[in-house]
N, C-alpha and C. Protein backbone atom coordinates (compact mmCIF):
# COMPACT_ATOMS: atom_id res chain seq x y z
N THR A 1 -6.00 -0.86 28.16
CA THR A 1 -5.68 -1.61 26.97
C THR A 1 -6.97 -2.02 26.28
N ILE A 2 -7.00 -1.84 24.99
CA ILE A 2 -8.19 -2.18 24.20
C ILE A 2 -7.82 -3.30 23.24
N PHE A 3 -8.63 -4.34 23.22
CA PHE A 3 -8.49 -5.42 22.26
C PHE A 3 -9.55 -5.19 21.18
N ALA A 4 -9.12 -5.24 19.92
CA ALA A 4 -9.95 -4.78 18.80
C ALA A 4 -11.33 -5.41 18.75
N TRP A 5 -11.42 -6.70 18.46
CA TRP A 5 -12.76 -7.22 18.22
C TRP A 5 -13.55 -7.33 19.51
N ASP A 6 -12.87 -7.50 20.63
CA ASP A 6 -13.58 -7.48 21.92
C ASP A 6 -14.23 -6.12 22.12
N GLY A 7 -13.47 -5.05 21.83
CA GLY A 7 -14.00 -3.70 21.99
C GLY A 7 -15.18 -3.43 21.08
N TYR A 8 -15.09 -3.89 19.83
CA TYR A 8 -16.22 -3.70 18.92
C TYR A 8 -17.46 -4.44 19.42
N PHE A 9 -17.30 -5.69 19.84
CA PHE A 9 -18.45 -6.43 20.35
C PHE A 9 -18.97 -5.83 21.65
N ASN A 10 -18.07 -5.28 22.48
CA ASN A 10 -18.53 -4.59 23.69
C ASN A 10 -19.38 -3.39 23.34
N ALA A 11 -19.03 -2.68 22.27
CA ALA A 11 -19.84 -1.54 21.84
C ALA A 11 -21.24 -1.99 21.46
N LEU A 12 -21.31 -3.11 20.76
CA LEU A 12 -22.63 -3.62 20.36
C LEU A 12 -23.46 -3.97 21.59
N LEU A 13 -22.85 -4.61 22.57
CA LEU A 13 -23.57 -4.94 23.80
C LEU A 13 -23.96 -3.69 24.59
N LEU A 14 -23.05 -2.72 24.65
CA LEU A 14 -23.36 -1.48 25.36
C LEU A 14 -24.57 -0.77 24.77
N SER A 15 -24.78 -0.92 23.47
CA SER A 15 -25.88 -0.21 22.82
C SER A 15 -27.24 -0.64 23.35
N LEU A 16 -27.30 -1.81 23.96
CA LEU A 16 -28.58 -2.25 24.54
C LEU A 16 -28.99 -1.38 25.72
N GLU A 17 -28.02 -0.86 26.45
CA GLU A 17 -28.31 -0.05 27.63
C GLU A 17 -27.98 1.42 27.46
N SER A 18 -26.91 1.71 26.69
CA SER A 18 -26.47 3.09 26.58
C SER A 18 -25.85 3.36 25.21
N PRO A 19 -26.63 3.88 24.27
CA PRO A 19 -26.07 4.22 22.97
C PRO A 19 -24.89 5.19 23.07
N ALA A 20 -24.92 6.07 24.06
CA ALA A 20 -23.81 7.02 24.23
C ALA A 20 -22.51 6.28 24.57
N LEU A 21 -22.58 5.32 25.47
CA LEU A 21 -21.39 4.54 25.81
C LEU A 21 -20.94 3.67 24.64
N ALA A 22 -21.89 3.16 23.89
CA ALA A 22 -21.54 2.36 22.71
C ALA A 22 -20.77 3.20 21.70
N ARG A 23 -21.22 4.41 21.51
CA ARG A 23 -20.55 5.33 20.59
C ARG A 23 -19.12 5.61 21.07
N GLU A 24 -18.95 5.83 22.38
CA GLU A 24 -17.62 6.08 22.94
C GLU A 24 -16.71 4.87 22.78
N MET A 25 -17.27 3.68 22.97
CA MET A 25 -16.47 2.47 22.83
C MET A 25 -16.02 2.29 21.39
N LEU A 26 -16.92 2.49 20.44
CA LEU A 26 -16.58 2.37 19.03
C LEU A 26 -15.48 3.37 18.67
N ALA A 27 -15.63 4.59 19.12
CA ALA A 27 -14.61 5.62 18.86
C ALA A 27 -13.28 5.26 19.51
N SER A 28 -13.33 4.68 20.70
CA SER A 28 -12.10 4.28 21.40
C SER A 28 -11.35 3.20 20.65
N VAL A 29 -12.07 2.21 20.13
CA VAL A 29 -11.40 1.15 19.37
C VAL A 29 -10.82 1.74 18.08
N ASN A 30 -11.58 2.55 17.38
CA ASN A 30 -11.09 3.16 16.14
C ASN A 30 -9.86 4.02 16.40
N ALA A 31 -9.80 4.64 17.57
CA ALA A 31 -8.66 5.52 17.92
C ALA A 31 -7.37 4.74 18.15
N THR A 32 -7.45 3.42 18.30
CA THR A 32 -6.23 2.62 18.47
C THR A 32 -5.51 2.40 17.14
N GLN A 33 -6.13 2.79 16.04
CA GLN A 33 -5.59 2.52 14.71
C GLN A 33 -4.21 3.15 14.51
N TYR A 34 -3.31 2.36 13.93
CA TYR A 34 -1.99 2.85 13.56
C TYR A 34 -2.06 3.59 12.23
N ALA A 35 -1.03 4.36 11.92
CA ALA A 35 -0.98 5.11 10.66
C ALA A 35 -1.06 4.18 9.45
N SER A 36 -0.64 2.94 9.60
CA SER A 36 -0.69 1.95 8.51
C SER A 36 -2.12 1.57 8.13
N GLY A 37 -3.07 1.86 9.02
CA GLY A 37 -4.46 1.46 8.82
C GLY A 37 -4.87 0.30 9.70
N ASN A 38 -3.90 -0.34 10.34
CA ASN A 38 -4.15 -1.48 11.21
C ASN A 38 -4.87 -1.07 12.49
N VAL A 39 -6.01 -1.68 12.75
CA VAL A 39 -6.63 -1.62 14.07
C VAL A 39 -6.03 -2.82 14.81
N PRO A 40 -5.18 -2.57 15.80
CA PRO A 40 -4.35 -3.63 16.34
C PRO A 40 -5.08 -4.67 17.18
N ASN A 41 -4.43 -5.81 17.28
CA ASN A 41 -4.87 -6.89 18.15
C ASN A 41 -5.15 -6.32 19.55
N TRP A 42 -4.19 -5.57 20.07
CA TRP A 42 -4.39 -4.85 21.33
C TRP A 42 -3.52 -3.61 21.31
N ARG A 43 -3.95 -2.59 22.04
CA ARG A 43 -3.15 -1.37 22.18
C ARG A 43 -3.50 -0.70 23.49
N GLY A 44 -2.45 -0.33 24.20
CA GLY A 44 -2.59 0.41 25.44
C GLY A 44 -1.99 1.80 25.27
N ARG A 45 -1.79 2.48 26.37
CA ARG A 45 -1.27 3.85 26.31
C ARG A 45 0.12 3.91 25.68
N HIS A 46 0.98 2.93 25.98
CA HIS A 46 2.36 3.02 25.52
C HIS A 46 2.78 1.92 24.55
N HIS A 47 2.04 0.85 24.46
CA HIS A 47 2.45 -0.29 23.65
C HIS A 47 1.25 -0.86 22.90
N GLY A 48 1.55 -1.72 21.94
CA GLY A 48 0.50 -2.37 21.17
C GLY A 48 1.09 -3.34 20.17
N THR A 49 0.28 -3.71 19.20
CA THR A 49 0.69 -4.72 18.22
C THR A 49 0.56 -4.16 16.80
N PRO A 50 1.52 -3.35 16.37
CA PRO A 50 1.45 -2.84 15.00
C PRO A 50 1.63 -3.94 13.95
N ASP A 51 2.09 -5.11 14.39
CA ASP A 51 2.35 -6.22 13.46
C ASP A 51 1.11 -7.02 13.11
N ARG A 52 0.05 -6.89 13.89
CA ARG A 52 -1.13 -7.73 13.63
C ARG A 52 -2.40 -7.06 14.13
N SER A 53 -3.52 -7.59 13.66
CA SER A 53 -4.83 -7.05 14.00
C SER A 53 -5.65 -8.12 14.70
N GLN A 54 -6.95 -8.02 14.58
CA GLN A 54 -7.91 -9.02 15.02
C GLN A 54 -9.01 -9.06 13.98
N PRO A 55 -9.91 -10.04 14.04
CA PRO A 55 -10.93 -10.17 12.99
C PRO A 55 -11.65 -8.85 12.69
N PRO A 56 -11.84 -8.57 11.41
CA PRO A 56 -12.43 -7.31 10.97
C PRO A 56 -13.95 -7.25 11.15
N VAL A 57 -14.37 -6.88 12.34
CA VAL A 57 -15.81 -6.81 12.63
C VAL A 57 -16.28 -5.37 12.87
N GLY A 58 -15.40 -4.39 12.71
CA GLY A 58 -15.75 -3.00 13.01
C GLY A 58 -16.88 -2.45 12.16
N ALA A 59 -16.85 -2.69 10.85
CA ALA A 59 -17.91 -2.17 9.97
C ALA A 59 -19.25 -2.83 10.27
N PHE A 60 -19.21 -4.13 10.59
CA PHE A 60 -20.44 -4.84 10.97
C PHE A 60 -21.05 -4.19 12.21
N VAL A 61 -20.21 -3.94 13.21
CA VAL A 61 -20.71 -3.34 14.45
C VAL A 61 -21.20 -1.91 14.21
N ALA A 62 -20.46 -1.13 13.44
CA ALA A 62 -20.90 0.25 13.15
C ALA A 62 -22.24 0.25 12.44
N LEU A 63 -22.42 -0.67 11.49
CA LEU A 63 -23.70 -0.76 10.78
C LEU A 63 -24.82 -1.16 11.73
N LYS A 64 -24.58 -2.16 12.57
CA LYS A 64 -25.61 -2.59 13.53
C LYS A 64 -25.96 -1.47 14.50
N LEU A 65 -24.96 -0.73 14.96
CA LEU A 65 -25.22 0.39 15.87
C LEU A 65 -26.04 1.48 15.17
N ALA A 66 -25.70 1.77 13.92
CA ALA A 66 -26.47 2.78 13.18
C ALA A 66 -27.91 2.32 12.99
N GLN A 67 -28.10 1.04 12.68
CA GLN A 67 -29.45 0.51 12.50
C GLN A 67 -30.23 0.51 13.82
N ARG A 68 -29.55 0.15 14.90
CA ARG A 68 -30.22 0.05 16.19
C ARG A 68 -30.59 1.42 16.74
N THR A 69 -29.68 2.39 16.59
CA THR A 69 -29.90 3.70 17.21
C THR A 69 -30.45 4.75 16.25
N GLY A 70 -30.30 4.51 14.95
CA GLY A 70 -30.70 5.52 13.98
C GLY A 70 -29.71 6.67 13.89
N ASP A 71 -28.58 6.55 14.57
CA ASP A 71 -27.57 7.60 14.61
C ASP A 71 -26.60 7.43 13.45
N LEU A 72 -26.82 8.14 12.36
CA LEU A 72 -25.98 8.01 11.18
C LEU A 72 -24.66 8.76 11.31
N THR A 73 -24.58 9.70 12.26
CA THR A 73 -23.29 10.38 12.47
C THR A 73 -22.25 9.40 13.00
N LEU A 74 -22.70 8.42 13.74
CA LEU A 74 -21.80 7.39 14.25
C LEU A 74 -21.10 6.68 13.09
N ALA A 75 -21.85 6.33 12.08
CA ALA A 75 -21.27 5.67 10.90
C ALA A 75 -20.33 6.62 10.17
N ALA A 76 -20.74 7.85 10.01
CA ALA A 76 -19.91 8.82 9.30
C ALA A 76 -18.58 9.05 10.01
N GLU A 77 -18.62 9.08 11.33
CA GLU A 77 -17.39 9.28 12.10
C GLU A 77 -16.47 8.06 12.03
N SER A 78 -17.04 6.89 11.90
CA SER A 78 -16.26 5.65 11.88
C SER A 78 -15.71 5.30 10.50
N LEU A 79 -16.34 5.77 9.46
CA LEU A 79 -15.98 5.34 8.11
C LEU A 79 -14.52 5.55 7.73
N PRO A 80 -13.91 6.69 8.00
CA PRO A 80 -12.51 6.85 7.58
C PRO A 80 -11.60 5.77 8.18
N ALA A 81 -11.74 5.49 9.45
CA ALA A 81 -10.91 4.47 10.09
C ALA A 81 -11.24 3.08 9.54
N LEU A 82 -12.50 2.79 9.36
CA LEU A 82 -12.89 1.46 8.88
C LEU A 82 -12.46 1.24 7.43
N ASP A 83 -12.52 2.28 6.61
CA ASP A 83 -12.04 2.17 5.23
C ASP A 83 -10.53 1.91 5.20
N ARG A 84 -9.78 2.64 6.03
CA ARG A 84 -8.32 2.43 6.09
C ARG A 84 -8.00 1.03 6.57
N TRP A 85 -8.77 0.52 7.53
CA TRP A 85 -8.52 -0.83 8.05
C TRP A 85 -8.78 -1.87 6.97
N HIS A 86 -9.86 -1.71 6.22
CA HIS A 86 -10.15 -2.67 5.15
C HIS A 86 -9.01 -2.66 4.12
N ALA A 87 -8.53 -1.49 3.78
CA ALA A 87 -7.42 -1.39 2.82
C ALA A 87 -6.15 -2.04 3.39
N TRP A 88 -5.94 -1.92 4.70
CA TRP A 88 -4.78 -2.56 5.33
C TRP A 88 -4.82 -4.07 5.12
N TRP A 89 -5.97 -4.68 5.33
CA TRP A 89 -6.10 -6.13 5.11
C TRP A 89 -5.74 -6.49 3.67
N GLU A 90 -6.23 -5.69 2.76
CA GLU A 90 -5.97 -5.96 1.34
C GLU A 90 -4.46 -5.91 1.04
N ARG A 91 -3.78 -4.94 1.58
CA ARG A 91 -2.34 -4.78 1.33
C ARG A 91 -1.49 -5.81 2.07
N ARG A 92 -1.87 -6.17 3.27
CA ARG A 92 -1.00 -6.96 4.15
C ARG A 92 -1.32 -8.44 4.26
N ARG A 93 -2.55 -8.84 3.98
CA ARG A 93 -2.94 -10.21 4.30
C ARG A 93 -3.57 -10.96 3.13
N ARG A 94 -3.20 -10.58 1.92
CA ARG A 94 -3.76 -11.27 0.76
C ARG A 94 -2.62 -11.76 -0.14
N PRO A 95 -1.94 -12.81 0.30
CA PRO A 95 -0.79 -13.30 -0.48
C PRO A 95 -1.20 -13.99 -1.78
N SER A 96 -2.41 -14.49 -1.84
CA SER A 96 -2.90 -15.16 -3.05
C SER A 96 -4.34 -14.77 -3.25
N GLY A 97 -5.19 -15.68 -3.65
CA GLY A 97 -6.59 -15.37 -3.90
C GLY A 97 -7.36 -15.01 -2.65
N LEU A 98 -7.21 -15.81 -1.60
CA LEU A 98 -7.91 -15.55 -0.36
C LEU A 98 -6.97 -14.88 0.64
N TYR A 99 -7.53 -14.43 1.73
CA TYR A 99 -6.74 -13.76 2.77
C TYR A 99 -6.15 -14.80 3.72
N ALA A 100 -5.15 -14.36 4.50
CA ALA A 100 -4.51 -15.26 5.46
C ALA A 100 -4.15 -14.47 6.72
N TRP A 101 -4.27 -15.11 7.86
CA TRP A 101 -3.88 -14.50 9.13
C TRP A 101 -2.36 -14.34 9.15
N GLY A 102 -1.87 -13.27 9.78
CA GLY A 102 -0.43 -13.07 9.76
C GLY A 102 0.10 -12.18 10.85
N SER A 103 1.38 -11.87 10.72
CA SER A 103 2.09 -10.95 11.60
C SER A 103 3.22 -10.34 10.77
N THR A 104 3.23 -9.03 10.65
CA THR A 104 4.27 -8.35 9.88
C THR A 104 5.48 -8.22 10.78
N VAL A 105 6.40 -9.16 10.66
CA VAL A 105 7.53 -9.30 11.57
C VAL A 105 8.34 -8.02 11.68
N SER A 106 8.51 -7.30 10.57
CA SER A 106 9.31 -6.07 10.60
C SER A 106 8.68 -4.98 11.46
N GLU A 107 7.42 -5.13 11.83
CA GLU A 107 6.74 -4.12 12.64
C GLU A 107 6.59 -4.52 14.10
N ILE A 108 7.13 -5.66 14.48
CA ILE A 108 7.08 -6.06 15.89
C ILE A 108 7.96 -5.10 16.68
N PRO A 109 7.41 -4.45 17.69
CA PRO A 109 8.20 -3.47 18.43
C PRO A 109 9.32 -4.11 19.26
N ALA A 110 10.30 -3.30 19.63
CA ALA A 110 11.43 -3.79 20.43
C ALA A 110 10.95 -4.30 21.79
N TRP A 111 10.01 -3.58 22.40
CA TRP A 111 9.48 -4.02 23.69
C TRP A 111 8.15 -4.72 23.45
N VAL A 112 8.05 -5.92 23.98
CA VAL A 112 6.78 -6.65 23.97
C VAL A 112 6.54 -7.19 25.37
N PRO A 113 5.29 -7.39 25.74
CA PRO A 113 5.01 -7.92 27.08
C PRO A 113 5.56 -9.34 27.23
N SER A 114 5.69 -9.77 28.45
CA SER A 114 6.31 -11.07 28.74
C SER A 114 5.64 -12.22 28.00
N TRP A 115 4.32 -12.18 27.84
CA TRP A 115 3.63 -13.30 27.20
C TRP A 115 3.92 -13.37 25.70
N GLU A 116 4.50 -12.32 25.13
CA GLU A 116 4.79 -12.31 23.70
C GLU A 116 6.27 -12.53 23.38
N ARG A 117 7.14 -12.51 24.37
CA ARG A 117 8.59 -12.53 24.11
C ARG A 117 9.06 -13.76 23.36
N ASP A 118 8.50 -14.91 23.63
CA ASP A 118 8.94 -16.13 22.95
C ASP A 118 7.97 -16.59 21.87
N ALA A 119 6.99 -15.76 21.56
CA ALA A 119 5.99 -16.14 20.56
C ALA A 119 6.57 -16.04 19.15
N THR A 120 6.31 -17.04 18.36
CA THR A 120 6.75 -17.04 16.97
C THR A 120 5.79 -16.19 16.13
N PRO A 121 6.21 -15.77 14.95
CA PRO A 121 5.26 -15.07 14.07
C PRO A 121 4.02 -15.93 13.77
N ARG A 122 4.21 -17.23 13.65
CA ARG A 122 3.07 -18.12 13.42
C ARG A 122 2.08 -18.05 14.58
N GLN A 123 2.59 -18.02 15.82
CA GLN A 123 1.72 -17.90 16.99
C GLN A 123 1.00 -16.56 16.97
N LYS A 124 1.71 -15.51 16.60
CA LYS A 124 1.08 -14.19 16.54
C LYS A 124 -0.01 -14.14 15.47
N ALA A 125 0.19 -14.88 14.37
CA ALA A 125 -0.85 -14.98 13.34
C ALA A 125 -2.09 -15.65 13.91
N ALA A 126 -1.88 -16.69 14.73
CA ALA A 126 -3.02 -17.35 15.38
C ALA A 126 -3.72 -16.38 16.32
N TRP A 127 -2.96 -15.54 17.01
CA TRP A 127 -3.57 -14.53 17.88
C TRP A 127 -4.37 -13.53 17.06
N GLU A 128 -3.89 -13.21 15.85
CA GLU A 128 -4.63 -12.27 15.00
C GLU A 128 -6.02 -12.82 14.69
N SER A 129 -6.12 -14.14 14.57
CA SER A 129 -7.40 -14.77 14.21
C SER A 129 -8.46 -14.62 15.30
N GLY A 130 -8.03 -14.33 16.52
CA GLY A 130 -8.97 -14.28 17.63
C GLY A 130 -9.38 -15.67 18.09
N GLN A 131 -8.88 -16.69 17.42
CA GLN A 131 -9.21 -18.09 17.74
C GLN A 131 -7.94 -18.82 18.17
N ASP A 132 -7.12 -18.12 18.94
CA ASP A 132 -5.80 -18.61 19.26
C ASP A 132 -5.77 -19.84 20.17
N ASP A 133 -6.86 -20.16 20.81
CA ASP A 133 -6.90 -21.35 21.67
C ASP A 133 -7.46 -22.58 20.96
N LEU A 134 -7.75 -22.45 19.69
CA LEU A 134 -8.28 -23.57 18.92
C LEU A 134 -7.15 -24.28 18.16
N PRO A 135 -7.33 -25.53 17.84
CA PRO A 135 -6.29 -26.26 17.11
C PRO A 135 -6.27 -25.97 15.60
N ASN A 136 -7.08 -25.04 15.14
CA ASN A 136 -7.19 -24.76 13.70
C ASN A 136 -5.85 -24.52 13.02
N TRP A 137 -4.93 -23.91 13.73
CA TRP A 137 -3.68 -23.47 13.12
C TRP A 137 -2.50 -24.38 13.47
N ASP A 138 -2.74 -25.44 14.22
CA ASP A 138 -1.65 -26.31 14.68
C ASP A 138 -0.79 -26.87 13.55
N ASP A 139 -1.39 -27.22 12.44
CA ASP A 139 -0.65 -27.81 11.33
C ASP A 139 -0.32 -26.82 10.22
N ALA A 140 -0.69 -25.56 10.42
CA ALA A 140 -0.44 -24.56 9.38
C ALA A 140 1.03 -24.16 9.39
N ALA A 141 1.63 -24.17 8.22
CA ALA A 141 3.01 -23.72 8.07
C ALA A 141 3.04 -22.19 8.05
N TRP A 142 4.23 -21.64 8.21
CA TRP A 142 4.43 -20.19 8.18
C TRP A 142 5.08 -19.81 6.87
N ASP A 143 4.56 -18.78 6.21
CA ASP A 143 5.13 -18.27 4.97
C ASP A 143 5.91 -17.00 5.29
N ASP A 144 7.24 -17.12 5.39
CA ASP A 144 8.09 -15.96 5.73
C ASP A 144 7.94 -14.82 4.74
N ALA A 145 7.88 -15.14 3.47
CA ALA A 145 7.82 -14.10 2.44
C ALA A 145 6.54 -13.28 2.54
N ALA A 146 5.42 -13.93 2.80
CA ALA A 146 4.13 -13.23 2.88
C ALA A 146 3.87 -12.68 4.28
N GLY A 147 4.50 -13.28 5.31
CA GLY A 147 4.22 -12.87 6.68
C GLY A 147 2.86 -13.36 7.15
N THR A 148 2.45 -14.51 6.59
CA THR A 148 1.13 -15.06 6.92
C THR A 148 1.23 -16.57 7.10
N LEU A 149 0.16 -17.14 7.62
CA LEU A 149 0.04 -18.59 7.60
C LEU A 149 0.01 -19.02 6.14
N ALA A 150 0.61 -20.16 5.87
CA ALA A 150 0.67 -20.65 4.48
C ALA A 150 -0.60 -21.42 4.15
N MET A 151 -1.71 -20.72 4.18
CA MET A 151 -3.00 -21.33 3.88
C MET A 151 -4.00 -20.24 3.52
N ASP A 152 -4.97 -20.58 2.70
CA ASP A 152 -6.07 -19.66 2.44
C ASP A 152 -7.05 -19.78 3.59
N CYS A 153 -7.29 -18.68 4.28
CA CYS A 153 -8.16 -18.70 5.46
C CYS A 153 -9.57 -18.28 5.06
N VAL A 154 -10.44 -19.26 4.91
CA VAL A 154 -11.81 -19.01 4.48
C VAL A 154 -12.54 -18.13 5.49
N ASP A 155 -12.25 -18.33 6.78
CA ASP A 155 -12.93 -17.53 7.80
C ASP A 155 -12.60 -16.05 7.65
N LEU A 156 -11.33 -15.72 7.48
CA LEU A 156 -10.93 -14.32 7.31
C LEU A 156 -11.49 -13.76 6.00
N SER A 157 -11.44 -14.53 4.96
CA SER A 157 -11.97 -14.08 3.67
C SER A 157 -13.47 -13.78 3.76
N ALA A 158 -14.20 -14.63 4.48
CA ALA A 158 -15.64 -14.40 4.66
C ALA A 158 -15.89 -13.15 5.50
N LEU A 159 -15.09 -12.96 6.55
CA LEU A 159 -15.24 -11.76 7.38
C LEU A 159 -14.95 -10.49 6.58
N LEU A 160 -13.96 -10.55 5.69
CA LEU A 160 -13.66 -9.37 4.89
C LEU A 160 -14.73 -9.12 3.82
N ALA A 161 -15.38 -10.16 3.34
CA ALA A 161 -16.51 -9.98 2.44
C ALA A 161 -17.66 -9.29 3.19
N LEU A 162 -17.92 -9.73 4.41
CA LEU A 162 -18.93 -9.09 5.25
C LEU A 162 -18.54 -7.64 5.54
N ASP A 163 -17.26 -7.42 5.82
CA ASP A 163 -16.76 -6.07 6.09
C ASP A 163 -17.03 -5.16 4.89
N ALA A 164 -16.73 -5.65 3.68
CA ALA A 164 -16.95 -4.85 2.47
C ALA A 164 -18.43 -4.55 2.27
N GLU A 165 -19.28 -5.54 2.51
CA GLU A 165 -20.72 -5.31 2.37
C GLU A 165 -21.22 -4.27 3.37
N CYS A 166 -20.76 -4.38 4.62
CA CYS A 166 -21.19 -3.42 5.64
C CYS A 166 -20.66 -2.02 5.32
N LEU A 167 -19.43 -1.93 4.84
CA LEU A 167 -18.89 -0.62 4.44
C LEU A 167 -19.73 -0.02 3.32
N ALA A 168 -20.15 -0.84 2.37
CA ALA A 168 -20.99 -0.34 1.27
C ALA A 168 -22.30 0.22 1.80
N HIS A 169 -22.90 -0.45 2.78
CA HIS A 169 -24.15 0.06 3.37
C HIS A 169 -23.90 1.35 4.14
N LEU A 170 -22.75 1.45 4.80
CA LEU A 170 -22.45 2.65 5.58
C LEU A 170 -22.16 3.85 4.70
N HIS A 171 -21.62 3.60 3.51
CA HIS A 171 -21.34 4.70 2.58
C HIS A 171 -22.64 5.20 2.00
């Protein structure tokens, strides 16, 4: 099972000792991407989370790996998946001016692991943030129509601005 932003950060750490393993890790995380463009919160061989993602740090990591190793093919191989992921955020998590953490309820699979069976969409949105153990989202309402927390999430918006900047450098 691969968790999106954990896997990306693991690739960055692996690059200190083995650029080859870092490249494999980056490719492995990108390979979890659904046809929708979502790089999921987690995905294993048979199951995953097509309803939600994790913080968009893939382009940042790909850029850092390219800078650290000088391997520009790594960036070229990652760009299609990272571009689709950025577009997914734009389509799915921008109910107003800024972005918001969410869970696309219609895409929650029939089978979910035991720890997710009683989780509300609001809880799944907190899991998407990667900061699910923090009280940041305790008072946030759920917007059924948008499928997101009913708040402008400055953290996600800043991460997507960084993502866009890193994608521009990679292109």
